[in-house]
Amino acid sequence: MKFAPEYVTSVLNENFEDAKALLLSPLMAIHYAHLVMLTAQGMVSTKDARTLRDALDGVSQDEIRRVKYDGTYEDLFFYIERLIVAACGDEVAGRLHTARSRNDIDMTMYRMRQRELILRLLGATFALRRSLLDVVDRHRHTIFAVHTHTQRAQPTTVAHYMLAVVEQLERDGSRLKAAYDRTNVNPLGACAITGTGFPIDRRLTSELLGFCGPTGNTYGSIATVDYLLESTSAAAVLMAGHGRFVQDLLLWGTAEFGYVRFGDGFVQGSSIMPQKRNPVAIEHARAIGSKALGQAQAVVLAVHNTPFGDIVDTEDDLQPLVFAMFRDATRAVSLVAAAMATAEFDPSALEARAGDGWTTLTELADTLVRDHGLPFKTAHAIAGRLVGGRQRDPERSLAELLRDATTELLGAPLTYSEDEVAHILSPRYFVEIRKTLGGPAPEETARAAGASRQQLETDERWWSRASDGLANAERALAERSAAL
């Protein structure tokens, strides 16, 4: 079959290059695993199995990666098949394709690559969690003002804020782990779409390729891509949350905020302005993460409203986009993890500004409720009157203004000394009294940080088991193939 030059240039050449980069190793592993299974089931003789094994051993992946597409074969599968035929002849080479199709080979390759991408991204989130928890340990007592609706709201601690990001990353990890579990099942044996009449052993090939087990319905094994959409969606959620954190970091790094300073290795100067210290590494993290999020949306769109069956929309043209999305997501997370290891906060300066703009006024209302049993709405109104009084008469003491406000609303004054009012309105007291589960009090953030470190260790153990499982399967496959 001679392909049109336009088809070669626009599609086949591009797909061949992508397959060499992304799918060559999984394809060769599938060849070996299928050969071992066929031999174990008595469907290929020992003699032919060894001949085929030697032919596969003779395929150099390095040499294949240097091959330029010439249009005389359709894709990487047929190119390697040509090499196998050249090594052992048509009759023996043809036995390797018993009870399989390019369809189930493709879907198996995609899942093998996808599970690796998930593990890499998950590993990057672990590095970021560890980096943030180190910040938490250093800044449990570092108080600063946080914002709601872009306006100063209340004091909290750097640790409290970072733990919110850590917990979000923990949930991202749960989503990625679940996606891994549903990705790591084996379509091989589904053949074109209806399975085969040969007595194959799908559990054996699953074991040899590091899968948790075979997929179920053979039609769905070829047709479904929900596993791919699940991991893509998990990565998209991660990128959306990550981008919001990165946006805060960039805002905090401005001279106007001055909350955080990153190490010299993550900033750049200006070709014209000697004073500039631009946090461009963080900007790159935002841009790369945004690109990954856009790619994730493109993946979903590419398979939307396509037929529920074997279709190219979910195959050669889509997989490089999936790879690029996961690669960029991993880059964005890894970059911020490294930058946060250099992040510096100035506790004294942050605390000095934390009470500006009446950020602690809620605590005055809370104190009035606790001390005098007032309804919170009444206490809220008193605190608001206090602010109004200070604006009208900035020279009067807060204790006097509080007496006036309580007299106006309650008919009698509630008396606090100036020192007591100052203590109630201090950012540090505001933080320390908030011992709510999940709150900013240092003892509570210490507890939460300990729990998050334990969760990180648990998740890393899961990751190690998953990674070791793939490595062990690769070794077992090599040993079974060598023993043919």
Protein backbone atom coordinates (compact mmCIF):
# COMPACT_ATOMS: atom_id res chain seq x y z
CA MET A 1 0.00 0.00 0.00
CA LYS A 2 1.39 3.38 -0.99
CA PHE A 3 0.33 6.25 1.20
CA ALA A 4 -0.37 9.72 -0.17
CA PRO A 5 2.50 12.14 0.51
CA GLU A 6 0.14 14.55 2.27
CA TYR A 7 -1.00 11.77 4.61
CA VAL A 8 2.61 10.79 5.26
CA THR A 9 3.66 14.34 6.03
CA SER A 10 0.65 15.41 8.07
CA VAL A 11 -0.07 12.22 10.00
CA LEU A 12 2.05 9.12 9.63
CA ASN A 13 5.44 10.76 10.04
CA GLU A 14 4.29 12.69 13.11
CA ASN A 15 2.73 9.62 14.68
CA PHE A 16 5.83 7.54 14.01
CA GLU A 17 8.05 10.08 15.75
CA ASP A 18 5.67 10.31 18.70
CA ALA A 19 5.47 6.52 19.01
CA LYS A 20 9.25 6.19 19.02
CA ALA A 21 9.51 8.70 21.85
CA LEU A 22 6.58 7.55 23.97
CA LEU A 23 5.54 3.99 23.19
CA LEU A 24 8.52 1.99 21.95
CA SER A 25 9.47 0.48 25.32
CA PRO A 26 5.89 -0.48 26.26
CA LEU A 27 5.40 -2.04 22.80
CA MET A 28 8.50 -4.21 23.16
CA ALA A 29 7.43 -5.30 26.65
CA ILE A 30 4.03 -6.32 25.24
CA HIS A 31 5.73 -8.41 22.55
CA TYR A 32 7.78 -10.27 25.15
CA ALA A 33 4.85 -10.78 27.54
CA HIS A 34 2.57 -12.06 24.81
CA LEU A 35 5.26 -14.46 23.60
CA VAL A 36 5.78 -15.85 27.11
CA MET A 37 2.02 -16.33 27.51
CA LEU A 38 1.57 -18.02 24.12
CA THR A 39 4.39 -20.41 24.95
CA ALA A 40 3.03 -21.17 28.42
CA GLN A 41 -0.36 -21.94 26.87
CA GLY A 42 1.18 -24.27 24.30
CA MET A 43 0.15 -22.06 21.40
CA VAL A 44 3.76 -21.51 20.26
CA SER A 45 6.35 -24.27 20.35
CA THR A 46 9.47 -23.91 22.49
CA LYS A 47 11.61 -23.86 19.35
CA ASP A 48 9.61 -21.09 17.71
CA ALA A 49 9.42 -19.20 21.01
CA ARG A 50 13.18 -19.12 21.29
CA THR A 51 13.52 -18.00 17.70
CA LEU A 52 11.03 -15.21 18.31
CA ARG A 53 12.71 -14.30 21.58
CA ASP A 54 16.06 -14.00 19.81
CA ALA A 55 14.45 -11.85 17.13
CA LEU A 56 13.02 -9.53 19.78
CA ASP A 57 16.38 -9.43 21.55
CA GLY A 58 17.91 -8.30 18.28
CA VAL A 59 15.68 -5.25 18.03
CA SER A 60 17.70 -2.24 19.13
CA GLN A 61 15.53 0.47 20.60
CA ASP A 62 18.34 2.99 20.22
CA GLU A 63 18.60 2.25 16.52
CA ILE A 64 14.84 2.45 16.06
CA ARG A 65 14.79 5.88 17.66
CA ARG A 66 17.21 7.05 14.95
CA VAL A 67 15.10 5.68 12.09
CA LYS A 68 13.38 8.21 9.82
CA TYR A 69 9.93 7.40 8.55
CA ASP A 70 9.94 6.51 4.83
CA GLY A 71 6.26 5.80 4.15
CA THR A 72 6.73 2.10 3.35
CA TYR A 73 4.90 0.91 6.49
CA GLU A 74 1.98 2.30 8.43
CA ASP A 75 3.34 2.77 11.92
CA LEU A 76 5.86 1.68 14.54
CA PHE A 77 4.11 -1.66 15.09
CA PHE A 78 4.51 -2.63 11.44
CA TYR A 79 8.08 -1.38 11.34
CA ILE A 80 9.05 -3.64 14.25
CA GLU A 81 7.06 -6.49 12.70
CA ARG A 82 9.21 -6.05 9.58
CA LEU A 83 12.35 -6.39 11.71
CA ILE A 84 11.01 -9.57 13.33
CA VAL A 85 10.12 -11.07 9.93
CA ALA A 86 13.61 -10.23 8.66
CA ALA A 87 15.12 -12.02 11.66
CA CYS A 88 13.09 -15.25 11.66
CA GLY A 89 10.94 -15.41 8.53
CA ASP A 90 7.24 -14.93 7.87
CA GLU A 91 6.06 -18.28 9.22
CA VAL A 92 7.61 -18.00 12.68
CA ALA A 93 7.16 -14.23 12.95
CA GLY A 94 3.49 -14.59 12.13
CA ARG A 95 2.89 -16.75 15.19
CA LEU A 96 3.57 -13.83 17.53
CA HIS A 97 0.40 -12.07 16.45
CA THR A 98 -1.85 -14.99 17.42
CA ALA A 99 -4.78 -13.89 19.64
CA ARG A 100 -4.09 -10.19 19.61
CA SER A 101 -4.70 -7.02 17.58
CA ARG A 102 -3.15 -3.62 17.24
CA ASN A 103 -6.24 -2.42 19.08
CA ASP A 104 -5.50 -4.18 22.36
CA ILE A 105 -1.77 -3.59 21.90
CA ASP A 106 -2.40 0.14 21.55
CA MET A 107 -4.70 0.37 24.55
CA THR A 108 -2.19 -1.58 26.64
CA MET A 109 0.69 0.67 25.59
CA TYR A 110 -1.30 3.76 26.45
CA ARG A 111 -2.12 2.50 29.92
CA MET A 112 1.48 1.48 30.56
CA ARG A 113 2.69 4.96 29.69
CA GLN A 114 -0.19 6.65 31.51
CA ARG A 115 0.50 4.94 34.82
CA GLU A 116 4.10 6.21 34.68
CA LEU A 117 2.91 9.75 34.03
CA ILE A 118 0.56 9.57 37.01
CA LEU A 119 3.33 8.36 39.30
CA ARG A 120 5.68 11.13 38.18
CA LEU A 121 3.13 13.83 38.83
CA LEU A 122 2.20 12.28 42.16
CA GLY A 123 5.87 12.21 43.13
CA ALA A 124 6.16 15.92 42.32
CA THR A 125 3.23 16.67 44.65
CA PHE A 126 5.05 14.81 47.41
CA ALA A 127 8.08 17.06 46.97
CA LEU A 128 5.87 20.14 47.18
CA ARG A 129 4.08 18.86 50.27
CA ARG A 130 7.40 18.18 51.98
CA SER A 131 8.69 21.64 51.07
CA LEU A 132 5.55 23.31 52.41
CA LEU A 133 5.61 21.30 55.63
CA ASP A 134 9.16 22.50 56.19
CA VAL A 135 7.83 26.06 55.87
CA VAL A 136 5.08 25.17 58.34
CA ASP A 137 7.64 23.97 60.89
CA ARG A 138 9.62 27.18 60.58
CA HIS A 139 6.64 29.52 60.70
CA ARG A 140 4.06 28.20 63.14
CA HIS A 141 4.31 31.49 65.02
CA THR A 142 4.73 33.80 62.02
CA ILE A 143 1.58 35.93 61.93
CA PHE A 144 0.36 37.74 58.84
CA ALA A 145 -2.88 39.14 57.45
CA VAL A 146 -4.84 37.11 54.93
CA HIS A 147 -7.46 38.37 52.52
CA THR A 148 -11.03 37.60 51.55
CA HIS A 149 -12.46 39.15 48.38
CA THR A 150 -8.97 40.65 47.83
CA GLN A 151 -9.34 42.76 51.00
CA ARG A 152 -7.56 42.41 54.33
CA ALA A 153 -9.60 40.05 56.47
CA GLN A 154 -8.01 38.49 59.57
CA PRO A 155 -4.62 37.51 60.96
CA THR A 156 -3.46 33.92 60.71
CA THR A 157 -0.06 32.27 60.48
CA VAL A 158 2.08 31.31 57.53
CA ALA A 159 1.83 27.74 58.83
CA HIS A 160 -1.96 27.85 58.80
CA TYR A 161 -2.06 29.07 55.20
CA MET A 162 0.51 26.52 54.00
CA LEU A 163 -1.35 23.67 55.69
CA ALA A 164 -4.42 24.59 53.66
CA VAL A 165 -2.35 24.12 50.51
CA VAL A 166 -0.89 20.87 51.86
CA GLU A 167 -4.35 19.44 52.56
CA GLN A 168 -5.45 20.37 49.05
CA LEU A 169 -2.42 18.53 47.69
CA GLU A 170 -3.32 15.52 49.83
CA ARG A 171 -6.71 15.42 48.14
CA ASP A 172 -5.01 15.80 44.76
CA GLY A 173 -2.91 12.80 45.70
CA SER A 174 -5.99 10.75 46.55
CA ARG A 175 -7.48 11.55 43.16
CA LEU A 176 -4.29 10.60 41.33
CA LYS A 177 -3.94 7.36 43.29
CA ALA A 178 -7.51 6.39 42.43
CA ALA A 179 -6.83 7.22 38.78
CA TYR A 180 -3.70 5.05 38.89
CA ASP A 181 -5.65 2.08 40.23
CA ARG A 182 -8.21 2.33 37.42
CA THR A 183 -5.51 2.90 34.81
CA ASN A 184 -3.35 -0.03 35.87
CA VAL A 185 -5.47 -2.82 34.41
CA ASN A 186 -4.60 -4.74 31.27
CA PRO A 187 -6.59 -4.65 28.00
CA LEU A 188 -4.31 -7.17 26.28
CA GLY A 189 -6.42 -10.12 25.16
CA ALA A 190 -9.40 -8.02 24.14
CA CYS A 191 -7.97 -8.27 20.61
CA ALA A 192 -9.87 -6.18 18.05
CA ILE A 193 -12.82 -5.69 20.42
CA THR A 194 -14.47 -9.09 21.06
CA GLY A 195 -11.64 -11.15 22.51
CA THR A 196 -10.49 -14.42 20.99
CA GLY A 197 -11.34 -18.10 20.71
CA PHE A 198 -7.78 -19.07 21.67
CA PRO A 199 -7.11 -20.23 25.26
CA ILE A 200 -5.06 -17.22 26.30
CA ASP A 201 -4.12 -16.34 29.88
CA ARG A 202 -4.86 -12.65 30.42
CA ARG A 203 -3.85 -12.83 34.06
CA LEU A 204 -0.36 -13.98 33.11
CA THR A 205 0.23 -11.10 30.70
CA SER A 206 -1.16 -8.72 33.32
CA GLU A 207 1.33 -10.02 35.88
CA LEU A 208 4.24 -9.83 33.44
CA LEU A 209 3.42 -6.24 32.49
CA GLY A 210 2.93 -5.03 36.05
CA PHE A 211 -0.83 -4.58 35.89
CA CYS A 212 -3.09 -5.26 38.86
CA GLY A 213 -5.16 -7.56 36.64
CA PRO A 214 -6.97 -7.70 33.31
CA THR A 215 -9.76 -5.36 32.26
CA GLY A 216 -13.26 -6.80 32.13
CA ASN A 217 -15.53 -6.42 29.12
CA THR A 218 -13.48 -6.77 25.93
CA TYR A 219 -15.54 -4.18 24.05
CA GLY A 220 -15.00 -1.65 26.81
CA SER A 221 -11.32 -2.56 26.98
CA ILE A 222 -10.92 -1.05 23.52
CA ALA A 223 -13.68 1.55 23.52
CA THR A 224 -13.47 3.27 26.90
CA VAL A 225 -11.15 6.14 27.77
CA ASP A 226 -12.70 7.07 31.11
CA TYR A 227 -9.49 5.95 32.83
CA LEU A 228 -7.63 8.53 30.78
CA LEU A 229 -10.18 11.26 31.44
CA GLU A 230 -10.09 10.48 35.15
CA SER A 231 -6.35 10.98 35.47
CA THR A 232 -6.49 14.01 33.18
CA SER A 233 -9.26 15.51 35.30
CA ALA A 234 -7.34 14.82 38.50
CA ALA A 235 -4.35 16.63 37.01
CA ALA A 236 -6.60 19.50 35.93
CA VAL A 237 -7.98 19.91 39.47
CA LEU A 238 -4.41 19.87 40.75
CA MET A 239 -3.35 22.55 38.27
CA ALA A 240 -6.30 24.79 39.08
CA GLY A 241 -5.53 24.71 42.80
CA HIS A 242 -1.81 25.01 42.19
CA GLY A 243 -2.36 28.09 40.05
CA ARG A 244 -4.28 29.86 42.81
CA PHE A 245 -1.43 29.24 45.23
CA VAL A 246 1.14 30.44 42.69
CA GLN A 247 -0.88 33.60 42.12
CA ASP A 248 -0.73 34.35 45.84
CA LEU A 249 3.04 33.78 45.86
CA LEU A 250 3.51 36.27 43.03
CA LEU A 251 1.35 38.84 44.80
CA TRP A 252 3.19 38.28 48.08
CA GLY A 253 6.51 38.81 46.34
CA THR A 254 5.67 42.32 45.19
CA ALA A 255 7.28 45.28 46.94
CA GLU A 256 3.81 46.45 47.92
CA PHE A 257 3.18 43.24 49.87
CA GLY A 258 6.70 42.14 50.72
CA TYR A 259 5.51 38.93 52.35
CA VAL A 260 7.98 36.51 50.76
CA ARG A 261 11.41 36.52 49.17
CA PHE A 262 12.76 33.67 47.04
CA GLY A 263 16.36 32.55 46.74
CA ASP A 264 18.64 34.03 44.09
CA GLY A 265 18.43 30.87 42.02
CA PHE A 266 14.75 31.52 41.31
CA VAL A 267 14.87 35.20 40.35
CA GLN A 268 16.21 37.17 37.42
CA GLY A 269 17.38 40.71 36.93
CA SER A 270 16.62 43.24 34.24
CA SER A 271 18.68 44.23 31.22
CA ILE A 272 17.99 47.90 31.97
CA MET A 273 16.86 48.24 35.60
CA PRO A 274 19.65 47.24 38.02
CA GLN A 275 17.33 47.17 41.02
CA LYS A 276 14.97 44.51 39.67
CA ARG A 277 14.67 41.11 41.31
CA ASN A 278 11.98 39.38 39.33
CA PRO A 279 10.53 36.05 40.61
CA VAL A 280 10.32 34.71 37.07
CA ALA A 281 10.65 31.06 38.12
CA ILE A 282 7.29 31.40 39.86
CA GLU A 283 5.90 33.14 36.79
CA HIS A 284 7.08 30.22 34.67
CA ALA A 285 5.33 27.86 37.06
CA ARG A 286 2.11 29.78 36.52
CA ALA A 287 2.50 29.80 32.73
CA ILE A 288 3.45 26.12 32.50
CA GLY A 289 0.62 25.15 34.83
CA SER A 290 -1.87 27.16 32.78
CA LYS A 291 -0.63 25.41 29.65
CA ALA A 292 -1.13 22.03 31.32
CA LEU A 293 -4.66 22.99 32.33
CA GLY A 294 -5.43 24.03 28.76
CA GLN A 295 -4.04 20.76 27.46
CA ALA A 296 -6.18 18.82 29.94
CA GLN A 297 -9.27 20.57 28.63
CA ALA A 298 -8.17 19.78 25.07
CA VAL A 299 -7.87 16.07 25.94
CA VAL A 300 -11.46 15.98 27.19
CA LEU A 301 -12.67 17.92 24.16
CA ALA A 302 -10.84 15.62 21.74
CA VAL A 303 -12.77 12.55 22.89
CA HIS A 304 -16.08 14.30 23.48
CA ASN A 305 -18.87 13.08 21.17
CA THR A 306 -16.68 10.50 19.45
CA PRO A 307 -18.07 7.00 18.77
CA PHE A 308 -17.95 4.53 21.64
CA GLY A 309 -15.59 2.09 20.00
CA ASP A 310 -12.20 1.87 18.33
CA ILE A 311 -11.50 5.31 16.88
CA VAL A 312 -8.31 7.24 16.13
CA ASP A 313 -9.50 10.28 18.11
CA THR A 314 -8.43 8.52 21.32
CA GLU A 315 -5.23 7.06 19.93
CA ASP A 316 -2.08 8.24 18.15
CA ASP A 317 -3.06 11.89 17.82
CA LEU A 318 -4.27 12.20 21.42
CA GLN A 319 -1.56 10.42 23.38
CA PRO A 320 1.21 13.01 22.78
CA LEU A 321 -1.14 15.68 24.12
CA VAL A 322 -1.74 13.62 27.25
CA PHE A 323 2.01 13.16 27.69
CA ALA A 324 2.66 16.88 27.22
CA MET A 325 -0.04 17.76 29.74
CA PHE A 326 1.37 15.51 32.45
CA ARG A 327 4.92 16.62 31.68
CA ASP A 328 3.99 20.29 32.04
CA ALA A 329 1.94 19.68 35.18
CA THR A 330 4.90 17.87 36.73
CA ARG A 331 7.26 20.68 35.73
CA ALA A 332 5.03 23.33 37.28
CA VAL A 333 4.68 21.49 40.60
CA SER A 334 8.37 20.55 40.79
CA LEU A 335 9.45 24.13 40.17
CA VAL A 336 7.35 25.54 42.99
CA ALA A 337 8.49 22.76 45.32
CA ALA A 338 12.11 23.75 44.74
CA ALA A 339 11.40 27.49 45.04
CA MET A 340 9.51 27.09 48.32
CA ALA A 341 12.59 25.49 49.86
CA THR A 342 14.25 28.92 49.52
CA ALA A 343 11.25 31.04 50.57
CA GLU A 344 11.98 33.57 53.32
CA PHE A 345 9.37 35.32 55.47
CA ASP A 346 10.07 38.21 57.89
CA PRO A 347 8.08 37.37 61.05
CA SER A 348 8.51 40.77 62.71
CA ALA A 349 7.49 42.79 59.68
CA LEU A 350 4.53 40.55 58.93
CA GLU A 351 3.18 40.66 62.47
CA ALA A 352 3.63 44.42 62.66
CA ARG A 353 1.30 44.83 59.69
CA ALA A 354 -1.09 42.00 60.55
CA GLY A 355 -3.47 44.17 62.61
CA ASP A 356 -3.77 46.99 60.10
CA GLY A 357 -7.25 47.69 58.81
CA TRP A 358 -9.05 46.37 61.91
CA THR A 359 -8.34 42.77 60.96
CA THR A 360 -8.78 41.61 64.58
CA LEU A 361 -12.15 43.27 65.16
CA THR A 362 -14.00 39.95 65.07
CA GLU A 363 -12.19 38.96 68.24
CA LEU A 364 -13.51 42.04 70.07
CA ALA A 365 -17.05 40.97 69.19
CA ASP A 366 -16.27 37.39 70.24
CA THR A 367 -14.85 38.60 73.56
CA LEU A 368 -17.98 40.60 74.31
CA VAL A 369 -20.06 37.49 73.65
CA ARG A 370 -17.86 35.32 75.88
CA ASP A 371 -17.50 37.84 78.70
CA HIS A 372 -21.03 39.25 78.80
CA GLY A 373 -23.27 36.74 77.05
CA LEU A 374 -24.31 39.22 74.37
CA PRO A 375 -25.86 38.05 71.11
CA PHE A 376 -23.17 38.06 68.46
CA LYS A 377 -25.10 40.49 66.25
CA THR A 378 -25.16 42.98 69.12
CA ALA A 379 -21.46 42.49 69.80
CA HIS A 380 -20.78 42.88 66.07
CA ALA A 381 -22.65 46.19 66.08
CA ILE A 382 -20.66 47.44 69.10
CA ALA A 383 -17.39 46.62 67.36
CA GLY A 384 -18.59 48.48 64.28
CA ARG A 385 -19.49 51.52 66.42
CA LEU A 386 -15.97 51.41 67.84
CA VAL A 387 -14.50 51.76 64.36
CA GLY A 388 -16.85 54.60 63.52
CA GLY A 389 -15.90 56.39 66.73
CA ARG A 390 -12.18 56.08 65.97
CA GLN A 391 -12.75 57.52 62.49
CA ARG A 392 -14.62 60.50 63.93
CA ASP A 393 -12.20 61.09 66.81
CA PRO A 394 -8.79 59.45 66.18
CA GLU A 395 -7.31 60.99 69.35
CA ARG A 396 -9.59 59.24 71.84
CA SER A 397 -8.51 55.93 73.38
CA LEU A 398 -10.11 52.69 72.25
CA ALA A 399 -11.20 51.97 75.82
CA GLU A 400 -13.18 55.21 75.90
CA LEU A 401 -14.67 54.60 72.47
CA LEU A 402 -15.73 51.10 73.55
CA ARG A 403 -17.48 52.52 76.62
CA ASP A 404 -19.34 54.97 74.39
CA ALA A 405 -20.37 52.26 71.90
CA THR A 406 -21.65 49.89 74.59
CA THR A 407 -23.53 52.69 76.32
CA GLU A 408 -25.24 53.66 73.05
CA LEU A 409 -26.34 50.12 72.24
CA LEU A 410 -26.80 48.57 75.70
CA GLY A 411 -27.81 51.56 77.78
CA ALA A 412 -24.84 50.97 80.12
CA PRO A 413 -21.07 50.89 79.57
CA LEU A 414 -18.91 47.77 79.45
CA THR A 415 -15.54 48.72 80.83
CA TYR A 416 -12.15 47.45 79.63
CA SER A 417 -8.78 49.04 80.27
CA GLU A 418 -6.68 50.32 77.37
CA ASP A 419 -4.24 47.46 77.85
CA GLU A 420 -7.08 44.93 77.81
CA VAL A 421 -8.49 46.35 74.58
CA ALA A 422 -5.02 46.35 73.02
CA HIS A 423 -4.56 42.71 74.03
CA ILE A 424 -7.96 41.70 72.63
CA LEU A 425 -7.16 43.42 69.34
CA SER A 426 -3.61 42.11 69.04
CA PRO A 427 -2.94 39.80 66.05
CA ARG A 428 -1.06 37.32 68.22
CA TYR A 429 -3.94 36.93 70.68
CA PHE A 430 -6.33 36.62 67.74
CA VAL A 431 -4.33 33.66 66.42
CA GLU A 432 -3.54 31.99 69.73
CA ILE A 433 -7.14 31.85 70.92
CA ARG A 434 -8.30 30.17 67.70
CA LYS A 435 -7.66 26.59 68.78
CA THR A 436 -10.50 25.25 66.63
CA LEU A 437 -9.76 21.96 64.89
CA GLY A 438 -7.97 23.12 61.76
CA GLY A 439 -7.41 26.61 63.17
CA PRO A 440 -4.27 28.77 63.30
CA ALA A 441 -3.26 28.39 66.96
CA PRO A 442 0.34 27.14 66.99
CA GLU A 443 -0.46 24.01 68.97
CA GLU A 444 -3.21 23.15 66.46
CA THR A 445 -1.02 23.74 63.41
CA ALA A 446 1.65 21.58 65.06
CA ARG A 447 -0.90 18.77 65.40
CA ALA A 448 -2.09 19.23 61.82
CA ALA A 449 1.47 19.30 60.49
CA GLY A 450 2.22 16.05 62.29
CA ALA A 451 -0.85 14.43 60.77
CA SER A 452 0.12 15.69 57.32
CA ARG A 453 3.64 14.32 57.65
CA GLN A 454 2.21 10.94 58.58
CA GLN A 455 -0.11 11.10 55.58
CA LEU A 456 2.84 12.01 53.36
CA GLU A 457 4.78 8.99 54.62
CA THR A 458 1.77 6.76 53.95
CA ASP A 459 1.36 8.12 50.45
CA GLU A 460 5.06 7.77 49.71
CA ARG A 461 4.96 4.14 50.81
CA TRP A 462 2.06 3.54 48.41
CA TRP A 463 4.05 5.24 45.64
CA SER A 464 7.10 3.10 46.38
CA ARG A 465 5.04 -0.08 46.29
CA ALA A 466 3.50 0.92 42.97
CA SER A 467 6.87 1.87 41.47
CA ASP A 468 8.54 -1.27 42.81
CA GLY A 469 5.71 -3.34 41.41
CA LEU A 470 6.39 -2.03 37.91
CA ALA A 471 10.14 -2.57 38.29
CA ASN A 472 9.65 -6.10 39.65
CA ALA A 473 7.34 -6.98 36.78
CA GLU A 474 9.93 -5.75 34.29
CA ARG A 475 12.57 -7.99 35.88
CA ALA A 476 10.20 -10.97 35.99
CA LEU A 477 9.35 -10.51 32.32
CA ALA A 478 13.02 -10.44 31.40
CA GLU A 479 13.63 -13.64 33.39
CA ARG A 480 10.64 -15.47 31.88
CA SER A 481 11.67 -14.43 28.38
CA ALA A 482 15.27 -15.51 28.93
CA ALA A 483 14.07 -18.89 30.21
CA LEU A 484 12.11 -19.76 27.04
